[in-house]
Amino acid sequence: MEPRIIECVPNFSEGRDRTVIDAIVAAIESAAAVRILDVDPGEATNRTVVTFVGEPEAVVEAAFAGVQRAAELIDMRRHKGAHPRMGATDVLPLIPVAGVTLDECAALARTLAARIAETLAIPVYCYERAALRPERRNLAVCREGEYEALPEKLAAAEKAPDFGARPFDERIARTGATAVGARDFLIAVNFNLNTTSTRRANAIAFDVREKGRPKREGNPIVGRILRDEAGEPLMLPGTLKATKAIGWFIEEYGIAQVSMNLTDIAVTPLHAAFDEVCRCAEARGVRVTGTEIVGLVPKKALLEAGRHFLKKQHRSTGIAEQEIVRIAVRSMGLDDLKPFDPQEKVIEYLLEKEQAPKRLADLTCAAFAAETASESPAPGGGSIAAYLGALGAALGTMVANLSAHKAGWDERWEQFSDYADRGQRLLDELLRLVDEDTAAFNRIMAVFALPKNTPEEKAARSAALQEATRYAAEVPLRTMRAAAKVFPLVRAMAEEGNPNSVSDAGVGALAARSAVLGARLNVRINAAGLKDRAAAEALTAEADRIAAEAVEAESAVLAIVEQQIG
């Protein structure tokens, strides 16, 4: 199951006093199980941006603790800085990373906003997807006039906050107001150019950014700017939605860049922005030499990019995740200016570093075999069955990839890429089941540690054992279902795939059959321990059916293989 992860990036109105900054960060860390990814104080802006991630409930709790501590330590009456601001905690966006939708983040943001207003007596505006009024989707509307305008805004009903509305008082004078929102992941990215010209970089930025450039009369560069009846410039939109961009010169690197914020990567993904900046740069005689990611990036952005560039090459996308990421890095030149380490730049990989113990599926072949051979009863036959299924899926995927790249079969690359994608999904599912089968065994063992001194404890222990036993029978049944899906893949590869690899398809069928029959033994032995005989019979009946079908499917594949080999 995909982990549920959201990111929070609160901006606090203190960038100079490290004692205050550290105290706020400590409050965030101590409130809940979140991981601080970055603390970025700015002296000129007198503002600190903190980035942390975790499960939604933990992030919300940690965010509240940060707001509470900032309200205690920051006095807005004395705050001066270059960045727009209206409160001790100025803005607080919640951002979906994995397993959570933007609308779910918006609901969390509104609940958090109400809690901040009610518990801490801080007025709160809701912005972006959490906005309760359409015009307040724009943060600038919520923060209009900044801190100094709060007395006037709080006195006007149409400008009052969404939560905690009341006349300006001593408490608000100290804390100011806060904007809590939900937005999609913002990727800050700079595209490196083979020029030192800021003017040319700006021209490319204006070509692509959503806002575009002012319309001009006659000459598009020096002509008079055209304006509407209100005197506002008429704009010629750029080619990329949900983007902000500007050109600048970076003395450290000696090059100009197009600096861009991708504010909605569902609308304009990273790879689409890269391609369009390349196109517009080339039209102006400039070349993009690489890309610089500022901060962190969600894994899906790199996976989408890697698949995009593979498809442009007419190559299979059904390859390992790390290979897809590597293609993305190389295609966009993410290591042009300095090394790009996905383990340090991708949010999900950063979080996975803290996972313990290490998954069985992550062990080397030798280490996995040694762990199986040890005195411990787990991993056992169920995990081995899942691993055999994964190997069968891997072989089918391999043949599909070899077929997609076979000389003379260029027009069929997409057909085999689809097969490889299907195989890769099966491989991932079966590898997860390797560990889940061992977890199911450990769940049974944990029941035996429960107390059984009273009748109530004995009843609870018995119920827990039945629940764990049923789960231990259901997991290998899931392995059987997944492994059975390997047969259509390897059969298609035996019939249609690269003839030089037909024997690999046959071995894949043998592995899948062993996976199914092996997992069936685990279903039967665990189902035998269920008191609910109807449930036990249903589990074993399905297992028997899948096993019989697997034997027939294996025979059919091997017959094709033998015929192909001749």
Protein backbone atom coordinates (compact mmCIF):
# COMPACT_ATOMS: atom_id res chain seq x y z
CA MET A 1 0.00 0.00 0.00
CA GLU A 2 1.32 3.44 -0.94
CA PRO A 3 2.34 5.50 2.11
CA ARG A 4 0.29 8.62 2.90
CA ILE A 5 2.70 11.55 2.91
CA ILE A 6 2.12 15.29 2.89
CA GLU A 7 4.55 18.17 3.06
CA CYS A 8 4.20 21.38 5.04
CA VAL A 9 6.21 24.52 4.27
CA PRO A 10 5.41 27.18 6.89
CA ASN A 11 7.06 30.61 6.51
CA PHE A 12 7.88 32.25 9.85
CA SER A 13 8.57 35.98 10.19
CA GLU A 14 12.00 35.59 11.77
CA GLY A 15 15.18 35.04 9.79
CA ARG A 16 17.88 36.57 11.97
CA ASP A 17 17.58 35.26 15.54
CA ARG A 18 18.74 31.65 15.40
CA THR A 19 17.54 31.03 18.95
CA VAL A 20 13.96 31.80 17.96
CA ILE A 21 14.24 29.78 14.75
CA ASP A 22 15.65 26.75 16.56
CA ALA A 23 12.91 26.92 19.20
CA ILE A 24 10.18 26.88 16.54
CA VAL A 25 11.80 23.97 14.72
CA ALA A 26 12.18 22.08 18.02
CA ALA A 27 8.47 22.56 18.72
CA ILE A 28 7.61 21.12 15.31
CA GLU A 29 9.88 18.11 15.78
CA SER A 30 8.70 17.33 19.30
CA ALA A 31 4.97 17.56 18.53
CA ALA A 32 4.68 14.55 16.22
CA ALA A 33 6.60 12.03 14.11
CA VAL A 34 7.61 14.22 11.18
CA ARG A 35 10.91 14.69 9.39
CA ILE A 36 12.44 18.12 8.97
CA LEU A 37 13.83 18.29 5.46
CA ASP A 38 15.05 21.87 5.34
CA VAL A 39 15.35 25.05 7.44
CA ASP A 40 16.13 28.09 5.29
CA PRO A 41 16.50 31.42 7.13
CA GLY A 42 16.87 34.67 5.17
CA GLU A 43 18.42 37.70 6.83
CA ALA A 44 17.30 40.28 4.27
CA THR A 45 13.75 38.94 4.21
CA ASN A 46 13.78 38.31 7.99
CA ARG A 47 11.90 35.12 7.22
CA THR A 48 12.53 31.39 7.66
CA VAL A 49 11.06 28.67 5.48
CA VAL A 50 10.80 25.28 7.21
CA THR A 51 10.04 22.15 5.19
CA PHE A 52 8.84 18.96 6.88
CA VAL A 53 6.98 15.82 5.83
CA GLY A 54 5.11 12.92 7.37
CA GLU A 55 1.73 11.29 7.62
CA PRO A 56 -1.14 13.79 7.36
CA GLU A 57 -2.26 13.70 11.00
CA ALA A 58 1.31 14.06 12.27
CA VAL A 59 2.07 16.95 9.93
CA VAL A 60 -1.06 18.85 11.01
CA GLU A 61 -0.14 18.39 14.69
CA ALA A 62 3.45 19.51 14.10
CA ALA A 63 2.27 22.51 12.08
CA PHE A 64 -0.02 23.64 14.89
CA ALA A 65 2.86 23.36 17.38
CA GLY A 66 5.05 25.51 15.13
CA VAL A 67 2.36 28.19 14.82
CA GLN A 68 1.84 28.18 18.59
CA ARG A 69 5.57 28.59 19.32
CA ALA A 70 5.98 31.31 16.71
CA ALA A 71 3.09 33.23 18.29
CA GLU A 72 4.89 33.07 21.62
CA LEU A 73 8.30 34.19 20.36
CA ILE A 74 7.71 36.60 17.45
CA ASP A 75 6.34 40.11 17.96
CA MET A 76 5.08 41.49 14.65
CA ARG A 77 5.14 45.05 16.00
CA ARG A 78 8.92 44.93 15.69
CA HIS A 79 9.21 42.98 12.45
CA LYS A 80 10.86 44.46 9.37
CA GLY A 81 11.93 42.56 6.26
CA ALA A 82 12.07 42.63 2.48
CA HIS A 83 9.43 39.93 1.96
CA PRO A 84 5.66 40.57 2.13
CA ARG A 85 4.23 39.31 5.45
CA MET A 86 1.22 39.66 7.73
CA GLY A 87 1.89 37.36 10.67
CA ALA A 88 4.36 35.54 12.90
CA THR A 89 3.44 32.45 10.91
CA ASP A 90 2.85 34.15 7.61
CA VAL A 91 1.80 31.29 5.34
CA LEU A 92 1.32 27.59 5.98
CA PRO A 93 0.59 25.38 2.95
CA LEU A 94 -0.16 21.65 3.07
CA ILE A 95 1.02 19.77 -0.01
CA PRO A 96 0.20 16.21 -1.13
CA VAL A 97 3.25 14.06 -1.83
CA ALA A 98 2.00 10.46 -1.96
CA GLY A 99 -1.25 8.64 -1.26
CA VAL A 100 -3.17 11.85 -0.49
CA THR A 101 -5.20 14.09 -2.80
CA LEU A 102 -5.10 17.86 -2.97
CA ASP A 103 -8.74 18.02 -1.88
CA GLU A 104 -7.89 15.97 1.21
CA CYS A 105 -5.13 18.45 2.01
CA ALA A 106 -7.61 21.30 1.57
CA ALA A 107 -9.96 19.73 4.12
CA LEU A 108 -7.06 19.29 6.56
CA ALA A 109 -6.02 22.91 6.00
CA ARG A 110 -9.48 24.27 6.81
CA THR A 111 -9.67 22.18 9.98
CA LEU A 112 -6.22 23.39 11.00
CA ALA A 113 -7.16 27.01 10.24
CA ALA A 114 -10.24 26.76 12.48
CA ARG A 115 -8.15 25.22 15.28
CA ILE A 116 -5.50 27.96 15.08
CA ALA A 117 -8.15 30.67 15.25
CA GLU A 118 -10.09 29.06 18.08
CA THR A 119 -7.19 27.85 20.25
CA LEU A 120 -4.54 30.49 19.59
CA ALA A 121 -6.79 33.49 18.83
CA ILE A 122 -4.96 34.14 15.55
CA PRO A 123 -7.05 35.32 12.56
CA VAL A 124 -6.66 32.94 9.62
CA TYR A 125 -7.27 33.29 5.89
CA CYS A 126 -7.61 30.18 3.73
CA TYR A 127 -5.94 30.29 0.31
CA GLU A 128 -5.26 28.24 -2.82
CA ARG A 129 -7.32 24.98 -2.86
CA ALA A 130 -8.45 25.53 0.76
CA ALA A 131 -9.93 28.96 -0.08
CA LEU A 132 -13.52 29.53 1.04
CA ARG A 133 -13.92 32.43 -1.39
CA PRO A 134 -12.83 32.20 -5.04
CA GLU A 135 -10.80 35.41 -4.97
CA ARG A 136 -8.80 34.15 -1.99
CA ARG A 137 -7.24 31.35 -3.99
CA ASN A 138 -4.61 34.00 -4.71
CA LEU A 139 -2.37 34.45 -1.66
CA ALA A 140 -1.70 38.06 -2.63
CA VAL A 141 -5.40 38.86 -2.11
CA CYS A 142 -5.32 37.41 1.40
CA ARG A 143 -2.11 39.26 2.28
CA GLU A 144 -3.05 42.57 0.63
CA GLY A 145 -1.64 45.50 2.59
CA GLU A 146 0.42 43.10 4.74
CA TYR A 147 0.58 43.36 8.54
CA GLU A 148 0.10 47.13 8.54
CA ALA A 149 -3.33 46.83 6.86
CA LEU A 150 -4.78 44.39 9.41
CA PRO A 151 -6.65 46.99 11.55
CA GLU A 152 -8.52 48.22 8.48
CA LYS A 153 -9.13 44.73 7.04
CA LEU A 154 -10.45 43.33 10.32
CA ALA A 155 -12.93 46.20 10.52
CA ALA A 156 -14.36 45.49 7.05
CA ALA A 157 -16.66 42.47 6.66
CA GLU A 158 -15.62 41.79 3.06
CA LYS A 159 -11.94 41.66 4.07
CA ALA A 160 -12.33 39.83 7.37
CA PRO A 161 -10.49 36.51 7.84
CA ASP A 162 -12.21 33.19 7.28
CA PHE A 163 -11.66 32.15 10.88
CA GLY A 164 -11.14 34.22 14.03
CA ALA A 165 -12.66 37.47 12.76
CA ARG A 166 -12.70 40.22 15.42
CA PRO A 167 -11.51 43.84 15.80
CA PHE A 168 -7.77 44.44 15.89
CA ASP A 169 -6.54 43.96 19.46
CA GLU A 170 -3.36 43.56 21.48
CA ARG A 171 -3.13 39.85 20.70
CA ILE A 172 -3.41 40.38 16.94
CA ALA A 173 -0.96 43.27 17.16
CA ARG A 174 1.62 40.77 18.38
CA THR A 175 0.83 37.69 16.26
CA GLY A 176 -0.61 39.25 13.12
CA ALA A 177 -2.70 36.97 10.87
CA THR A 178 -1.89 33.68 9.16
CA ALA A 179 -2.77 32.22 5.76
CA VAL A 180 -3.33 28.44 5.75
CA GLY A 181 -3.72 26.73 2.40
CA ALA A 182 -3.41 23.62 0.31
CA ARG A 183 -1.56 23.56 -2.97
CA ASP A 184 0.02 21.05 -5.23
CA PHE A 185 3.71 20.41 -4.98
CA LEU A 186 5.64 23.41 -6.23
CA ILE A 187 8.83 22.55 -8.05
CA ALA A 188 11.42 25.32 -8.15
CA VAL A 189 13.64 24.73 -11.16
CA ASN A 190 16.28 26.66 -13.06
CA PHE A 191 17.09 25.92 -16.70
CA ASN A 192 20.74 26.56 -17.53
CA LEU A 193 21.46 28.45 -20.75
CA ASN A 194 24.57 28.70 -22.92
CA THR A 195 24.46 32.48 -22.65
CA THR A 196 25.29 35.19 -20.14
CA SER A 197 22.50 37.46 -21.40
CA THR A 198 19.84 38.21 -18.80
CA ARG A 199 17.76 39.90 -21.51
CA ARG A 200 17.65 36.73 -23.59
CA ALA A 201 16.90 34.61 -20.53
CA ASN A 202 14.05 36.97 -19.63
CA ALA A 203 12.70 36.80 -23.17
CA ILE A 204 12.54 33.00 -22.97
CA ALA A 205 10.93 33.21 -19.52
CA PHE A 206 8.24 35.58 -20.86
CA ASP A 207 7.67 33.23 -23.82
CA VAL A 208 6.76 30.34 -21.56
CA ARG A 209 5.37 31.65 -18.26
CA GLU A 210 1.60 31.69 -17.88
CA LYS A 211 1.47 35.44 -17.28
CA GLY A 212 3.37 36.04 -20.50
CA ARG A 213 4.47 39.57 -21.45
CA PRO A 214 2.76 42.94 -21.99
CA LYS A 215 1.29 43.51 -25.44
CA ARG A 216 3.01 46.30 -27.34
CA GLU A 217 2.09 48.48 -30.23
CA GLY A 218 4.23 47.84 -33.28
CA ASN A 219 7.65 46.62 -32.17
CA PRO A 220 7.15 43.74 -29.65
CA ILE A 221 10.27 44.77 -27.74
CA VAL A 222 10.29 48.57 -27.55
CA GLY A 223 6.77 49.46 -28.72
CA ARG A 224 4.33 51.27 -26.45
CA ILE A 225 2.65 48.96 -23.92
CA LEU A 226 -1.07 48.56 -24.62
CA ARG A 227 -3.40 49.03 -21.64
CA ASP A 228 -7.04 48.35 -20.81
CA GLU A 229 -9.62 50.93 -19.71
CA ALA A 230 -8.39 50.69 -16.12
CA GLY A 231 -4.84 51.42 -17.21
CA GLU A 232 -3.62 47.87 -16.59
CA PRO A 233 -1.25 46.38 -19.19
CA LEU A 234 -2.79 43.97 -21.68
CA MET A 235 -0.92 40.68 -21.50
CA LEU A 236 0.08 38.19 -24.17
CA PRO A 237 -0.06 34.81 -22.34
CA GLY A 238 2.89 32.43 -22.40
CA THR A 239 2.78 28.82 -23.54
CA LEU A 240 2.88 27.04 -20.15
CA LYS A 241 0.00 27.05 -17.69
CA ALA A 242 0.65 27.03 -13.93
CA THR A 243 4.15 28.48 -14.26
CA LYS A 244 5.97 31.57 -13.09
CA ALA A 245 9.33 32.42 -14.61
CA ILE A 246 12.01 35.05 -14.85
CA GLY A 247 15.47 35.26 -16.42
CA TRP A 248 18.60 36.07 -14.44
CA PHE A 249 22.39 35.80 -14.45
CA ILE A 250 24.09 33.61 -11.83
CA GLU A 251 27.59 34.88 -11.14
CA GLU A 252 28.53 31.70 -9.26
CA TYR A 253 28.03 29.62 -12.43
CA GLY A 254 28.79 32.32 -15.00
CA ILE A 255 25.58 31.60 -16.93
CA ALA A 256 22.07 32.93 -17.37
CA GLN A 257 19.11 30.83 -16.30
CA VAL A 258 15.37 30.71 -16.75
CA SER A 259 14.18 30.44 -13.15
CA MET A 260 10.74 28.85 -12.92
CA ASN A 261 8.17 27.79 -10.35
CA LEU A 262 5.90 24.97 -11.47
CA THR A 263 2.84 25.65 -9.34
CA ASP A 264 0.77 22.67 -10.52
CA ILE A 265 2.75 19.74 -11.89
CA ALA A 266 -0.48 17.98 -12.85
CA VAL A 267 -1.04 20.80 -15.37
CA THR A 268 2.56 21.38 -16.44
CA PRO A 269 4.88 18.50 -15.48
CA LEU A 270 8.62 19.02 -15.12
CA HIS A 271 9.45 17.33 -18.43
CA ALA A 272 6.89 19.45 -20.31
CA ALA A 273 8.46 22.63 -18.95
CA PHE A 274 11.92 21.39 -19.93
CA ASP A 275 10.86 20.59 -23.48
CA GLU A 276 9.11 23.93 -23.95
CA VAL A 277 11.99 26.00 -22.57
CA CYS A 278 14.30 24.08 -24.93
CA ARG A 279 12.01 24.87 -27.86
CA CYS A 280 11.72 28.56 -27.07
CA ALA A 281 15.42 28.87 -26.32
CA GLU A 282 16.32 27.31 -29.67
CA ALA A 283 13.98 29.73 -31.44
CA ARG A 284 16.08 32.55 -29.96
CA GLY A 285 19.43 30.97 -30.82
CA VAL A 286 20.04 29.75 -27.28
CA ARG A 287 20.47 26.22 -25.97
CA VAL A 288 19.45 24.69 -22.64
CA THR A 289 22.51 22.91 -21.25
CA GLY A 290 20.98 21.45 -18.13
CA THR A 291 18.52 21.78 -15.27
CA GLU A 292 18.90 22.68 -11.61
CA ILE A 293 16.27 21.51 -9.10
CA VAL A 294 16.03 23.87 -6.14
CA GLY A 295 15.06 21.99 -3.01
CA LEU A 296 13.25 18.68 -3.23
CA VAL A 297 11.19 16.93 -5.87
CA PRO A 298 8.47 14.26 -5.63
CA LYS A 299 9.34 10.89 -7.13
CA LYS A 300 6.44 10.96 -9.57
CA ALA A 301 7.88 14.04 -11.31
CA LEU A 302 11.06 12.15 -12.21
CA LEU A 303 9.24 8.92 -13.09
CA GLU A 304 6.89 10.80 -15.42
CA ALA A 305 9.88 12.55 -16.99
CA GLY A 306 11.87 9.34 -17.43
CA ARG A 307 8.93 7.59 -19.10
CA HIS A 308 8.35 10.63 -21.32
CA PHE A 309 11.90 10.59 -22.65
CA LEU A 310 11.89 6.81 -23.10
CA LYS A 311 8.72 7.06 -25.18
CA LYS A 312 10.30 9.80 -27.30
CA GLN A 313 13.07 7.30 -28.07
CA HIS A 314 10.51 4.54 -28.78
CA ARG A 315 11.96 2.51 -25.94
CA SER A 316 10.19 0.37 -23.36
CA THR A 317 9.08 2.03 -20.14
CA GLY A 318 8.72 -1.30 -18.32
CA ILE A 319 12.08 -1.07 -16.57
CA ALA A 320 13.15 -0.71 -12.94
CA GLU A 321 12.25 2.48 -11.14
CA GLN A 322 15.87 3.49 -10.55
CA GLU A 323 16.58 3.17 -14.27
CA ILE A 324 13.64 5.42 -15.13
CA VAL A 325 14.92 8.02 -12.66
CA ARG A 326 18.41 7.76 -14.15
CA ILE A 327 16.99 8.45 -17.64
CA ALA A 328 15.21 11.53 -16.26
CA VAL A 329 18.41 12.84 -14.67
CA ARG A 330 20.44 12.36 -17.83
CA SER A 331 17.76 13.63 -20.22
CA MET A 332 17.25 16.93 -18.40
CA GLY A 333 20.87 17.39 -17.33
CA LEU A 334 20.01 17.53 -13.64
CA ASP A 335 23.68 16.96 -12.83
CA ASP A 336 24.92 19.73 -15.16
CA LEU A 337 26.10 22.13 -12.44
CA LYS A 338 26.63 19.73 -9.54
CA PRO A 339 25.97 16.06 -8.76
CA PHE A 340 22.30 15.13 -8.49
CA ASP A 341 21.71 12.34 -5.99
CA PRO A 342 18.10 11.09 -6.09
CA GLN A 343 18.55 9.67 -2.58
CA GLU A 344 19.05 13.23 -1.31
CA LYS A 345 16.70 15.13 -3.64
CA VAL A 346 13.60 12.90 -3.91
CA ILE A 347 11.20 13.18 -0.97
CA GLU A 348 10.12 9.54 -0.92
CA TYR A 349 13.71 8.28 -1.02
CA LEU A 350 14.66 10.53 1.89
CA LEU A 351 11.85 9.05 3.95
CA GLU A 352 12.69 5.47 2.98
CA LYS A 353 16.18 5.94 4.42
CA GLU A 354 14.65 5.98 7.89
CA GLN A 355 12.68 2.77 7.42
CA ALA A 356 13.84 -0.13 9.57
CA PRO A 357 14.24 -2.99 9.46
CA LYS A 358 15.28 -3.34 5.85
CA ARG A 359 12.84 -5.21 3.61
CA LEU A 360 13.59 -8.81 2.71
CA ALA A 361 13.07 -7.85 -0.91
CA ASP A 362 15.95 -5.38 -0.63
CA LEU A 363 18.47 -8.04 0.42
CA THR A 364 20.95 -9.51 -2.03
CA CYS A 365 20.20 -12.99 -3.37
CA ALA A 366 22.88 -14.45 -1.12
CA ALA A 367 21.66 -12.58 1.97
CA PHE A 368 18.06 -13.57 1.32
CA ALA A 369 19.06 -17.22 0.95
CA ALA A 370 21.12 -17.03 4.14
CA GLU A 371 18.25 -15.44 6.06
CA THR A 372 15.91 -18.18 4.83
CA ALA A 373 18.39 -20.89 5.87
CA SER A 374 18.75 -19.51 9.41
CA GLU A 375 17.09 -20.93 12.53
CA SER A 376 14.21 -18.44 12.29
CA PRO A 377 10.99 -19.88 10.81
CA ALA A 378 10.50 -16.71 8.76
CA PRO A 379 11.01 -16.02 5.95
CA GLY A 380 9.58 -19.36 4.96
CA GLY A 381 7.71 -21.05 2.16
CA GLY A 382 5.20 -18.23 1.70
CA SER A 383 7.87 -15.60 1.13
CA ILE A 384 9.81 -17.94 -1.14
CA ALA A 385 6.64 -18.59 -3.17
CA ALA A 386 6.13 -14.84 -3.62
CA TYR A 387 9.77 -14.45 -4.63
CA LEU A 388 9.43 -17.22 -7.21
CA GLY A 389 6.42 -15.38 -8.63
CA ALA A 390 8.45 -12.18 -8.76
CA LEU A 391 11.19 -13.99 -10.68
CA GLY A 392 8.62 -15.33 -13.14
CA ALA A 393 7.27 -11.82 -13.69
CA ALA A 394 10.83 -10.52 -14.06
CA LEU A 395 11.59 -13.04 -16.80
CA GLY A 396 8.43 -12.15 -18.71
CA THR A 397 9.32 -8.47 -18.38
CA MET A 398 12.85 -9.13 -19.60
CA VAL A 399 11.60 -10.86 -22.76
CA ALA A 400 9.18 -7.99 -23.37
CA ASN A 401 11.99 -5.43 -23.08
CA LEU A 402 14.30 -7.43 -25.34
CA SER A 403 11.48 -7.69 -27.87
CA ALA A 404 10.76 -3.94 -27.71
CA HIS A 405 14.39 -3.26 -28.60
CA LYS A 406 14.87 -6.02 -31.17
CA ALA A 407 16.31 -4.82 -34.46
CA GLY A 408 13.71 -4.81 -37.20
CA TRP A 409 10.80 -4.76 -34.76
CA ASP A 410 10.85 -0.98 -34.27
CA GLU A 411 7.18 -0.55 -35.14
CA ARG A 412 6.23 -2.97 -32.34
CA TRP A 413 8.07 -1.21 -29.48
CA GLU A 414 4.90 0.14 -27.87
CA GLN A 415 3.18 -3.26 -27.90
CA PHE A 416 6.05 -4.84 -25.99
CA SER A 417 6.50 -1.79 -23.75
CA ASP A 418 2.91 -2.30 -22.58
CA TYR A 419 3.71 -5.93 -21.76
CA ALA A 420 6.82 -4.84 -19.87
CA ASP A 421 4.85 -2.27 -17.88
CA ARG A 422 2.36 -4.99 -16.94
CA GLY A 423 5.20 -7.28 -15.88
CA GLN A 424 6.87 -4.57 -13.84
CA ARG A 425 3.64 -3.98 -11.89
CA LEU A 426 3.35 -7.71 -11.15
CA LEU A 427 7.01 -7.82 -10.11
CA ASP A 428 6.49 -4.94 -7.66
CA GLU A 429 3.32 -6.51 -6.22
CA LEU A 430 4.96 -9.90 -5.67
CA LEU A 431 8.05 -8.35 -4.08
CA ARG A 432 5.78 -6.56 -1.60
CA LEU A 433 4.17 -9.92 -0.82
CA VAL A 434 7.58 -11.40 0.01
CA ASP A 435 7.68 -9.18 3.08
CA GLU A 436 3.96 -9.27 3.77
CA ASP A 437 3.98 -13.05 4.12
CA THR A 438 6.68 -12.82 6.78
CA ALA A 439 4.75 -10.01 8.47
CA ALA A 440 1.67 -12.26 8.56
CA PHE A 441 3.67 -14.99 10.35
CA ASN A 442 5.04 -12.46 12.84
CA ARG A 443 1.50 -11.26 13.49
CA ILE A 444 0.54 -14.77 14.64
CA MET A 445 3.61 -14.98 16.87
CA ALA A 446 2.69 -11.65 18.48
CA VAL A 447 -0.66 -13.06 19.57
CA PHE A 448 1.04 -15.68 21.72
CA ALA A 449 2.60 -12.89 23.78
CA LEU A 450 -0.84 -11.55 24.79
CA PRO A 451 -2.00 -12.19 28.37
CA LYS A 452 -4.49 -15.01 29.05
CA ASN A 453 -5.07 -14.81 32.78
CA THR A 454 -8.77 -13.86 32.82
CA PRO A 455 -11.68 -15.17 30.76
CA GLU A 456 -11.84 -11.81 29.00
CA GLU A 457 -8.13 -11.94 28.13
CA LYS A 458 -8.47 -15.51 26.90
CA ALA A 459 -11.41 -14.55 24.68
CA ALA A 460 -9.56 -11.53 23.28
CA ARG A 461 -6.46 -13.65 22.66
CA SER A 462 -8.49 -16.33 20.88
CA ALA A 463 -10.21 -13.73 18.67
CA ALA A 464 -6.87 -12.10 17.83
CA LEU A 465 -5.39 -15.48 16.92
CA GLN A 466 -8.28 -16.25 14.58
CA GLU A 467 -7.93 -12.85 12.91
CA ALA A 468 -4.15 -13.27 12.48
CA THR A 469 -4.60 -16.83 11.17
CA ARG A 470 -7.13 -15.70 8.58
CA TYR A 471 -4.75 -12.95 7.49
CA ALA A 472 -1.94 -15.52 7.23
CA ALA A 473 -4.13 -17.55 4.85
CA GLU A 474 -5.25 -14.54 2.81
CA VAL A 475 -1.71 -13.27 2.08
CA PRO A 476 -0.53 -16.42 0.23
CA LEU A 477 -3.86 -16.46 -1.61
CA ARG A 478 -3.01 -12.96 -2.83
CA THR A 479 0.37 -14.34 -3.90
CA MET A 480 -1.44 -17.03 -5.90
CA ARG A 481 -3.66 -14.47 -7.61
CA ALA A 482 -0.70 -12.29 -8.53
CA ALA A 483 1.52 -15.16 -9.69
CA ALA A 484 -1.33 -16.52 -11.85
CA LYS A 485 -1.28 -13.24 -13.78
CA VAL A 486 2.28 -14.05 -14.87
CA PHE A 487 1.05 -16.81 -17.21
CA PRO A 488 -0.67 -14.57 -19.80
CA LEU A 489 2.50 -12.46 -19.90
CA VAL A 490 4.97 -15.31 -20.42
CA ARG A 491 2.61 -17.03 -22.88
CA ALA A 492 2.41 -13.87 -24.98
CA MET A 493 6.21 -13.61 -24.87
CA ALA A 494 6.58 -17.26 -25.91
CA GLU A 495 4.20 -16.74 -28.83
CA GLU A 496 5.09 -13.20 -29.93
CA GLY A 497 8.32 -12.20 -28.24
CA ASN A 498 11.94 -12.35 -29.28
CA PRO A 499 12.44 -16.00 -30.38
CA ASN A 500 15.97 -15.98 -28.97
CA SER A 501 14.46 -15.59 -25.47
CA VAL A 502 11.64 -18.13 -25.70
CA SER A 503 13.35 -20.40 -23.15
CA ASP A 504 13.29 -17.51 -20.65
CA ALA A 505 9.52 -17.31 -21.06
CA GLY A 506 9.39 -21.04 -20.31
CA VAL A 507 11.41 -20.68 -17.13
CA GLY A 508 9.09 -17.81 -16.16
CA ALA A 509 6.13 -20.18 -16.47
CA LEU A 510 7.90 -22.79 -14.32
CA ALA A 511 8.64 -20.18 -11.64
CA ALA A 512 5.05 -18.91 -11.68
CA ARG A 513 3.68 -22.47 -11.31
CA SER A 514 5.97 -23.12 -8.35
CA ALA A 515 4.84 -19.83 -6.81
CA VAL A 516 1.18 -20.75 -7.13
CA LEU A 517 1.54 -24.31 -5.85
CA GLY A 518 3.86 -23.26 -3.04
CA ALA A 519 1.55 -20.49 -1.86
CA ARG A 520 -1.39 -22.94 -1.98
CA LEU A 521 0.31 -25.05 0.71
CA ASN A 522 0.44 -21.98 2.97
CA VAL A 523 -3.21 -21.18 2.33
CA ARG A 524 -4.21 -24.73 3.31
CA ILE A 525 -2.08 -25.00 6.45
CA ASN A 526 -3.28 -21.63 7.78
CA ALA A 527 -6.92 -22.12 6.77
CA ALA A 528 -6.89 -25.38 8.74
CA GLY A 529 -6.51 -23.33 11.92
CA LEU A 530 -9.70 -21.33 11.35
CA LYS A 531 -12.76 -22.10 13.45
CA ASP A 532 -14.95 -20.53 10.78
CA ARG A 533 -15.13 -23.57 8.54
CA ALA A 534 -17.11 -21.81 5.81
CA ALA A 535 -14.39 -19.19 5.51
CA ALA A 536 -11.68 -21.86 5.53
CA GLU A 537 -13.42 -23.84 2.78
CA ALA A 538 -13.86 -20.70 0.65
CA LEU A 539 -10.14 -19.89 0.95
CA THR A 540 -9.01 -23.41 0.08
CA ALA A 541 -11.55 -23.75 -2.75
CA GLU A 542 -10.22 -20.62 -4.45
CA ALA A 543 -6.65 -21.77 -3.88
CA ASP A 544 -7.42 -25.18 -5.41
CA ARG A 545 -9.02 -23.57 -8.46
CA ILE A 546 -6.08 -21.21 -9.08
CA ALA A 547 -3.60 -24.08 -8.63
CA ALA A 548 -5.40 -26.28 -11.17
CA GLU A 549 -5.53 -23.42 -13.67
CA ALA A 550 -1.83 -22.71 -13.09
CA VAL A 551 -0.85 -26.29 -13.90
CA GLU A 552 -2.78 -26.10 -17.18
CA ALA A 553 -1.36 -22.65 -17.99
CA GLU A 554 2.20 -23.83 -17.38
CA SER A 555 1.71 -26.85 -19.64
CA ALA A 556 0.35 -24.63 -22.40
CA VAL A 557 3.30 -22.25 -22.20
CA LEU A 558 5.86 -25.07 -22.15
CA ALA A 559 4.23 -26.67 -25.20
CA ILE A 560 4.64 -23.39 -27.09
CA VAL A 561 8.24 -23.09 -25.92
CA GLU A 562 9.10 -26.64 -26.98
CA GLN A 563 7.52 -26.03 -30.38
CA GLN A 564 9.45 -22.76 -30.83
CA ILE A 565 12.73 -24.38 -29.83
CA GLY A 566 12.00 -27.27 -32.23
